[in-house]
Amino acid sequence: MQAPYAAESAPECREFLTFRLGDEQYGIHILKVQEIRGYERPTAIANAPAFIKGVMNLRGVIVPIVDLRVRFDLPFSYDEGTVVIVLNVADRVVGVVVDAVSDVLPLAGEAIQPPPEFADSVFDTSYITGLATVDGRMLILLDIEKLVTGADMALVEERMP
């Protein structure tokens, strides 16, 4: 006899695409990811902030390219592992440059710890949804939509309620 499935008692499990920026591992919800592409130098836009590397034409769609290493004040260099993760966020397509993509990991809700709280004057952590330990390494989970739609990124206009 088969045991009944109890959806309410099953822990919530979400999948995250993990990637590397410098020495740290990050994760974003897999449902935000459209595709992963090798890095190609984008077309620069005059007077853009340093973290906006430019734009690329992706099958007829002009996509802004954001370098997360620059955005997070990390040292960077481009090599054969550098990739662009193309995302669907806030009804917009945006590419983010990362050092390398690692894996897709399922994480149960109880495996994710809340981020530490810091005073607003230290730095903004509102785009960090949680932290998880995977194979002895800390994984920083990002709310990529909140990050790229933040006022300091200026990629998407604020929506009126």
Protein backbone atom coordinates (compact mmCIF):
# COMPACT_ATOMS: atom_id res chain seq x y z
CA MET A 1 0.00 0.00 0.00
CA GLN A 2 1.38 3.41 -0.99
CA ALA A 3 1.68 6.09 1.68
CA PRO A 4 -0.42 9.21 1.03
CA TYR A 5 1.45 12.25 -0.21
CA ALA A 6 1.23 15.15 2.24
CA ALA A 7 2.10 18.31 0.31
CA GLU A 8 1.63 20.46 3.39
CA SER A 9 4.30 18.58 5.34
CA ALA A 10 6.85 18.53 2.50
CA PRO A 11 9.45 21.28 2.91
CA GLU A 12 9.45 23.94 0.21
CA CYS A 13 12.30 23.24 -2.19
CA ARG A 14 13.48 25.80 -4.73
CA GLU A 15 16.19 25.56 -7.34
CA PHE A 16 18.97 28.12 -7.61
CA LEU A 17 21.51 28.72 -10.34
CA THR A 18 24.83 29.13 -8.55
CA PHE A 19 27.67 31.25 -9.84
CA ARG A 20 30.99 32.63 -8.71
CA LEU A 21 32.05 36.24 -8.22
CA GLY A 22 35.63 36.40 -7.01
CA ASP A 23 36.01 33.89 -4.18
CA GLU A 24 32.31 33.85 -3.24
CA GLN A 25 29.41 31.69 -4.42
CA TYR A 26 26.02 33.26 -5.16
CA GLY A 27 22.67 31.86 -6.15
CA ILE A 28 19.63 33.21 -7.98
CA HIS A 29 16.23 31.60 -8.41
CA ILE A 30 16.36 29.45 -11.54
CA LEU A 31 12.98 30.74 -12.79
CA LYS A 32 14.55 34.18 -13.39
CA VAL A 33 17.16 32.70 -15.77
CA GLN A 34 16.48 32.79 -19.51
CA GLU A 35 19.85 31.53 -20.74
CA ILE A 36 23.60 31.48 -20.13
CA ARG A 37 25.96 32.85 -22.79
CA GLY A 38 29.71 33.13 -23.15
CA TYR A 39 30.97 36.65 -22.55
CA GLU A 40 31.12 38.89 -25.61
CA ARG A 41 32.11 42.50 -25.26
CA PRO A 42 28.90 44.58 -25.30
CA THR A 43 28.43 47.86 -27.11
CA ALA A 44 29.31 50.63 -24.67
CA ILE A 45 26.80 53.37 -23.89
CA ALA A 46 28.19 56.86 -23.21
CA ASN A 47 27.78 58.20 -19.66
CA ALA A 48 26.51 54.87 -18.29
CA PRO A 49 27.52 53.94 -14.72
CA ALA A 50 30.67 51.78 -14.53
CA PHE A 51 28.72 48.62 -13.66
CA ILE A 52 26.66 48.88 -16.88
CA LYS A 53 29.05 47.47 -19.44
CA GLY A 54 26.79 48.32 -22.37
CA VAL A 55 24.14 46.55 -24.41
CA MET A 56 23.93 43.53 -26.69
CA ASN A 57 21.46 42.47 -29.33
CA LEU A 58 19.91 39.15 -28.33
CA ARG A 59 17.74 37.92 -31.20
CA GLY A 60 16.35 41.40 -31.85
CA VAL A 61 16.06 42.45 -28.19
CA ILE A 62 18.47 45.11 -26.88
CA VAL A 63 19.70 43.83 -23.51
CA PRO A 64 21.57 45.96 -20.92
CA ILE A 65 24.63 44.16 -19.53
CA VAL A 66 25.51 44.64 -15.84
CA ASP A 67 28.83 43.47 -14.40
CA LEU A 68 28.02 42.26 -10.88
CA ARG A 69 31.71 42.31 -9.92
CA VAL A 70 31.84 46.05 -10.59
CA ARG A 71 28.47 46.54 -8.89
CA PHE A 72 29.75 44.76 -5.76
CA ASP A 73 33.16 46.53 -5.85
CA LEU A 74 35.06 43.30 -6.52
CA PRO A 75 38.28 43.05 -8.55
CA PHE A 76 37.68 41.53 -11.95
CA SER A 77 39.22 40.23 -15.13
CA TYR A 78 37.56 38.55 -18.08
CA ASP A 79 38.66 35.03 -19.03
CA GLU A 80 37.29 31.95 -20.78
CA GLY A 81 35.05 31.17 -17.77
CA THR A 82 33.34 34.58 -17.77
CA VAL A 83 29.69 34.30 -18.75
CA VAL A 84 26.56 36.42 -19.08
CA ILE A 85 23.43 35.15 -17.35
CA VAL A 86 20.44 36.46 -19.26
CA LEU A 87 17.55 37.11 -16.88
CA ASN A 88 13.86 37.95 -17.08
CA VAL A 89 13.23 40.49 -14.31
CA ALA A 90 10.39 42.97 -13.93
CA ASP A 91 9.11 42.23 -17.46
CA ARG A 92 12.53 43.10 -18.85
CA VAL A 93 15.52 41.15 -20.17
CA VAL A 94 18.83 41.99 -18.45
CA GLY A 95 22.24 40.31 -18.68
CA VAL A 96 24.62 40.00 -15.73
CA VAL A 97 28.33 39.25 -16.08
CA VAL A 98 29.72 36.71 -13.59
CA ASP A 99 33.04 34.88 -13.26
CA ALA A 100 31.57 31.41 -13.84
CA VAL A 101 28.36 29.43 -13.50
CA SER A 102 28.60 26.48 -11.14
CA ASP A 103 25.46 24.38 -10.88
CA VAL A 104 21.71 24.27 -10.32
CA LEU A 105 21.04 23.35 -6.69
CA PRO A 106 17.77 22.44 -5.02
CA LEU A 107 17.52 23.99 -1.55
CA ALA A 108 14.84 23.20 0.98
CA GLY A 109 13.43 26.09 2.98
CA GLU A 110 15.07 24.98 6.22
CA ALA A 111 18.52 24.98 4.54
CA ILE A 112 18.27 28.74 3.97
CA GLN A 113 19.18 31.03 6.85
CA PRO A 114 18.21 34.71 6.99
CA PRO A 115 20.96 37.21 6.15
CA PRO A 116 22.57 39.11 9.01
CA GLU A 117 21.14 42.53 9.74
CA PHE A 118 23.31 45.59 9.34
CA ALA A 119 22.54 49.24 9.88
CA ASP A 120 21.37 50.92 6.68
CA SER A 121 24.38 53.21 6.89
CA VAL A 122 26.78 50.23 6.59
CA PHE A 123 25.40 48.82 3.31
CA ASP A 124 22.16 47.69 1.76
CA THR A 125 21.49 43.96 2.12
CA SER A 126 17.83 44.06 1.10
CA TYR A 127 18.65 42.13 -2.10
CA ILE A 128 20.11 39.19 -0.11
CA THR A 129 17.33 36.69 0.54
CA GLY A 130 19.33 34.23 2.57
CA LEU A 131 22.48 32.21 3.15
CA ALA A 132 22.99 28.48 2.79
CA THR A 133 25.94 26.20 3.41
CA VAL A 134 26.62 23.80 0.56
CA ASP A 135 29.59 21.40 0.69
CA GLY A 136 31.20 23.47 3.45
CA ARG A 137 30.96 26.76 1.51
CA MET A 138 28.64 29.68 2.11
CA LEU A 139 26.17 30.40 -0.69
CA ILE A 140 24.73 33.94 -0.83
CA LEU A 141 21.20 33.90 -2.27
CA LEU A 142 20.23 37.04 -4.17
CA ASP A 143 16.85 38.50 -5.02
CA ILE A 144 18.10 39.40 -8.48
CA GLU A 145 14.92 41.27 -9.33
CA LYS A 146 15.27 43.53 -6.28
CA LEU A 147 18.94 44.05 -7.08
CA VAL A 148 18.52 45.10 -10.71
CA THR A 149 15.37 47.13 -10.14
CA GLY A 150 16.88 49.10 -7.23
CA ALA A 151 17.11 52.87 -7.55
CA ASP A 152 20.92 52.76 -7.72
CA MET A 153 20.84 50.45 -10.75
CA ALA A 154 18.28 52.54 -12.69
CA LEU A 155 17.59 49.71 -15.13
CA VAL A 156 13.85 49.62 -14.66
CA GLU A 157 11.58 52.53 -13.86
CA GLU A 158 9.67 52.36 -10.63
CA ARG A 159 6.12 51.22 -11.06
CA MET A 160 3.29 53.24 -9.61
CA PRO A 161 0.99 51.23 -7.30
